[in-house]
Each structure stands twice: as structure tokens, then as C-alpha cells.
Protein backbone atom coordinates (compact mmCIF):
# COMPACT_ATOMS: atom_id res chain seq x y z
CA UNK A 1 -87.04 15.86 -27.99
CA UNK A 2 -87.65 15.55 -31.93
CA UNK A 3 -86.09 18.98 -32.50
CA UNK A 4 -83.04 17.88 -30.23
CA UNK A 5 -82.52 14.84 -32.35
CA UNK A 6 -82.74 16.35 -35.92
CA UNK A 7 -79.95 19.00 -34.51
CA UNK A 8 -77.77 15.94 -33.72
CA UNK A 9 -78.56 13.91 -36.65
CA UNK A 10 -77.68 17.23 -38.69
CA UNK A 11 -74.75 17.66 -36.50
CA UNK A 12 -73.60 14.21 -37.42
CA UNK A 13 -74.41 14.24 -41.07
CA UNK A 14 -72.08 17.72 -41.16
CA UNK A 15 -69.08 15.73 -39.80
CA UNK A 16 -69.24 13.03 -41.89
CA UNK A 17 -67.30 15.15 -44.57
CA UNK A 18 -64.32 15.89 -41.97
CA UNK A 19 -64.28 12.28 -40.77
CA UNK A 20 -65.23 10.40 -44.50
CA UNK A 21 -67.29 7.99 -42.94
CA UNK A 22 -70.86 7.31 -41.64
CA UNK A 23 -71.18 9.04 -38.22
CA UNK A 24 -74.82 8.35 -37.68
CA UNK A 25 -74.19 4.48 -38.13
CA UNK A 26 -71.14 4.80 -36.20
CA UNK A 27 -72.91 6.32 -33.43
CA UNK A 28 -75.66 3.86 -33.15
CA UNK A 29 -73.38 1.21 -32.92
CA UNK A 30 -71.02 2.98 -30.37
CA UNK A 31 -74.29 3.50 -28.16
CA UNK A 32 -74.83 -0.18 -28.11
CA UNK A 33 -71.34 -0.82 -27.02
CA UNK A 34 -71.20 1.64 -24.41
CA UNK A 35 -74.38 0.68 -22.85
CA UNK A 36 -72.96 -2.85 -22.99
CA UNK A 37 -69.90 -2.12 -21.36
CA UNK A 38 -71.62 0.03 -18.63
CA UNK A 39 -74.22 -2.75 -17.89
CA UNK A 40 -71.04 -5.17 -17.74
CA UNK A 41 -69.43 -2.65 -15.10
CA UNK A 42 -72.42 -1.88 -12.92
CA UNK A 43 -73.46 -5.54 -12.77
CA UNK A 44 -69.71 -6.57 -12.02
CA UNK A 45 -69.79 -3.55 -9.21
CA UNK A 46 -73.37 -4.89 -7.67
CA UNK A 47 -71.51 -8.21 -7.40
CA UNK A 48 -68.29 -7.58 -5.54
CA UNK A 49 -70.71 -5.44 -3.41
CA UNK A 50 -72.66 -8.52 -2.89
CA UNK A 51 -69.95 -11.15 -2.28
CA UNK A 52 -68.18 -8.90 -0.35
CA UNK A 53 -71.30 -8.49 2.03
CA UNK A 54 -72.30 -12.25 1.71
CA UNK A 55 -68.75 -13.89 2.03
CA UNK A 56 -66.25 -14.20 4.93
CA UNK A 57 -63.49 -11.62 4.50
CA UNK A 58 -60.59 -14.39 3.88
CA UNK A 59 -62.92 -16.42 1.06
CA UNK A 60 -63.84 -13.02 -0.92
CA UNK A 61 -60.35 -12.01 -0.65
CA UNK A 62 -59.05 -15.35 -1.97
CA UNK A 63 -61.91 -15.03 -4.69
CA UNK A 64 -60.45 -11.80 -5.77
CA UNK A 65 -57.00 -12.90 -5.82
CA UNK A 66 -57.87 -15.67 -7.99
CA UNK A 67 -59.81 -13.52 -10.64
CA UNK A 68 -56.75 -11.15 -10.46
CA UNK A 69 -53.77 -13.69 -11.48
CA UNK A 70 -56.14 -15.25 -13.88
CA UNK A 71 -56.87 -11.67 -15.53
CA UNK A 72 -53.06 -10.87 -15.20
CA UNK A 73 -51.93 -14.36 -17.08
CA UNK A 74 -55.02 -13.76 -19.48
CA UNK A 75 -53.74 -10.64 -20.75
CA UNK A 76 -51.35 -12.57 -22.34
CA UNK A 77 -53.38 -14.74 -24.68
CA UNK A 78 -54.10 -13.47 -28.07
CA UNK A 79 -57.86 -12.66 -27.71
CA UNK A 80 -58.18 -11.31 -31.23
CA UNK A 81 -56.73 -14.20 -33.32
CA UNK A 82 -60.23 -15.38 -33.95
CA UNK A 83 -61.15 -11.97 -35.86
CA UNK A 84 -57.87 -12.10 -37.65
CA UNK A 85 -58.65 -15.53 -38.72
CA UNK A 86 -62.09 -14.69 -40.21
CA UNK A 87 -60.36 -11.22 -41.75
CA UNK A 88 -57.77 -13.58 -43.46
CA UNK A 89 -60.19 -15.98 -44.61
CA UNK A 90 -62.79 -13.64 -46.36
CA UNK A 91 -59.48 -12.27 -47.99
CA UNK A 92 -58.83 -15.54 -48.99
CA UNK A 93 -55.46 -16.09 -47.63
CA UNK A 94 -55.04 -19.54 -47.79
CA UNK A 95 -53.22 -21.42 -44.78
CA UNK A 96 -53.90 -19.20 -42.14
CA UNK A 97 -55.73 -21.60 -39.96
CA UNK A 98 -52.66 -23.75 -39.53
CA UNK A 99 -50.54 -20.78 -38.98
CA UNK A 100 -52.89 -19.24 -36.43
CA UNK A 101 -53.30 -22.16 -34.74
CA UNK A 102 -49.49 -22.72 -34.25
CA UNK A 103 -49.29 -18.83 -33.05
CA UNK A 104 -52.01 -19.69 -30.43
CA UNK A 105 -50.51 -22.63 -29.21
CA UNK A 106 -47.25 -21.08 -28.65
CA UNK A 107 -48.76 -18.22 -26.66
CA UNK A 108 -51.49 -20.62 -24.50
CA UNK A 109 -48.61 -23.09 -23.92
CA UNK A 110 -46.46 -20.30 -21.75
CA UNK A 111 -49.77 -18.78 -20.00
CA UNK A 112 -50.98 -22.68 -19.16
CA UNK A 113 -47.45 -23.69 -18.11
CA UNK A 114 -47.10 -19.93 -15.82
CA UNK A 115 -50.64 -21.17 -14.27
CA UNK A 116 -49.76 -24.73 -13.26
CA UNK A 117 -46.30 -23.49 -11.72
CA UNK A 118 -48.29 -20.85 -9.68
CA UNK A 119 -50.90 -23.63 -8.66
CA UNK A 120 -47.52 -25.89 -7.78
CA UNK A 121 -46.26 -23.21 -5.56
CA UNK A 122 -48.96 -23.03 -3.41
CA UNK A 123 -49.81 -26.47 -3.27
CA UNK A 124 -46.10 -26.94 -2.05
CA UNK A 125 -46.98 -24.16 0.49
CA UNK A 126 -50.50 -26.00 1.60
CA UNK A 127 -53.29 -23.81 -0.10
CA UNK A 128 -55.30 -26.25 -1.60
CA UNK A 129 -57.92 -23.78 -2.61
CA UNK A 130 -55.75 -21.56 -4.29
CA UNK A 131 -53.94 -24.44 -6.02
CA UNK A 132 -56.83 -26.32 -7.18
CA UNK A 133 -58.47 -22.83 -8.65
CA UNK A 134 -55.65 -21.52 -10.36
CA UNK A 135 -54.63 -24.84 -11.84
CA UNK A 136 -58.51 -25.20 -13.14
CA UNK A 137 -58.99 -21.78 -14.07
CA UNK A 138 -55.53 -21.97 -16.24
CA UNK A 139 -56.81 -24.91 -17.78
CA UNK A 140 -59.88 -23.59 -18.92
CA UNK A 141 -58.40 -20.12 -20.11
CA UNK A 142 -56.06 -22.43 -21.83
CA UNK A 143 -58.52 -23.73 -23.79
CA UNK A 144 -60.42 -20.43 -24.62
């Protein structure tokens, strides 16, 4: 095991001259990131199987539909804006918080209105569970 480890370490150090970066550090960080994604995927898969077996078909279908709609609308949000603010602040760019707040508000209002319209549509058609669920989740998504 130690021999394999030293060979991988040597290979990573050798590849640093081509990639111009610390490959050992990158591999260690990437391993934990990949492990975290793997655990999240497996737990999500396990929960889906558990919910599919424990809930009635209609309830599980409604649950998955709500998550899908919120995921689609959430894909339109600016998830990396917090990181951009931190980087801009570290580089001493003044006024970035006001500018980013306006940009985030501009994008969030559209998502919020889309969720409210969709929830109202289901309310008018008599599906109260979808209506209230979508409106509640969209208002939470709007604040994130």
C-alpha cells in the first residue's frame, strides 16, 4: 500500500510541471469534494427509494413534481453571487454589495413571480396542495 501511495505521489509531483499547480493539494481537495457529492447522491437515492415505498403513489408523485419545479426555477437563480462578493471585497472593489444586491433582486423577483403565478394557477384549478407548496417553497427560494 505504501509503495502504491509513493508512486501516486511521485506521479502527481511529476505532473505539476505540466499543469503548473500543486497537484497533491488539488487531489486531496478534489477527493473530499467527490466523496461529499457521492454521499449526497447515495443518500438522495436512498431517500427516494424509502419515500417511494412508504408514501402513496399520488403523494410521492406530488412531492417529486414540487421538487422538480422548484429545482427548475432555482436553476435561474444566481448561486455564485456570494462568492463573487467575497472575491470583489478581497480585491477592494468598493460598492460591490449594492450592485450585487440590485442584480440579485432583479433575478429573484422574476423567479418569485414565476412561482406565485404557478401556485395561483394550481389554486384556481383546485389543487391546494400544489398551490400552497409551490408558493411556500418559492418564497423560501426567493430569500436564499
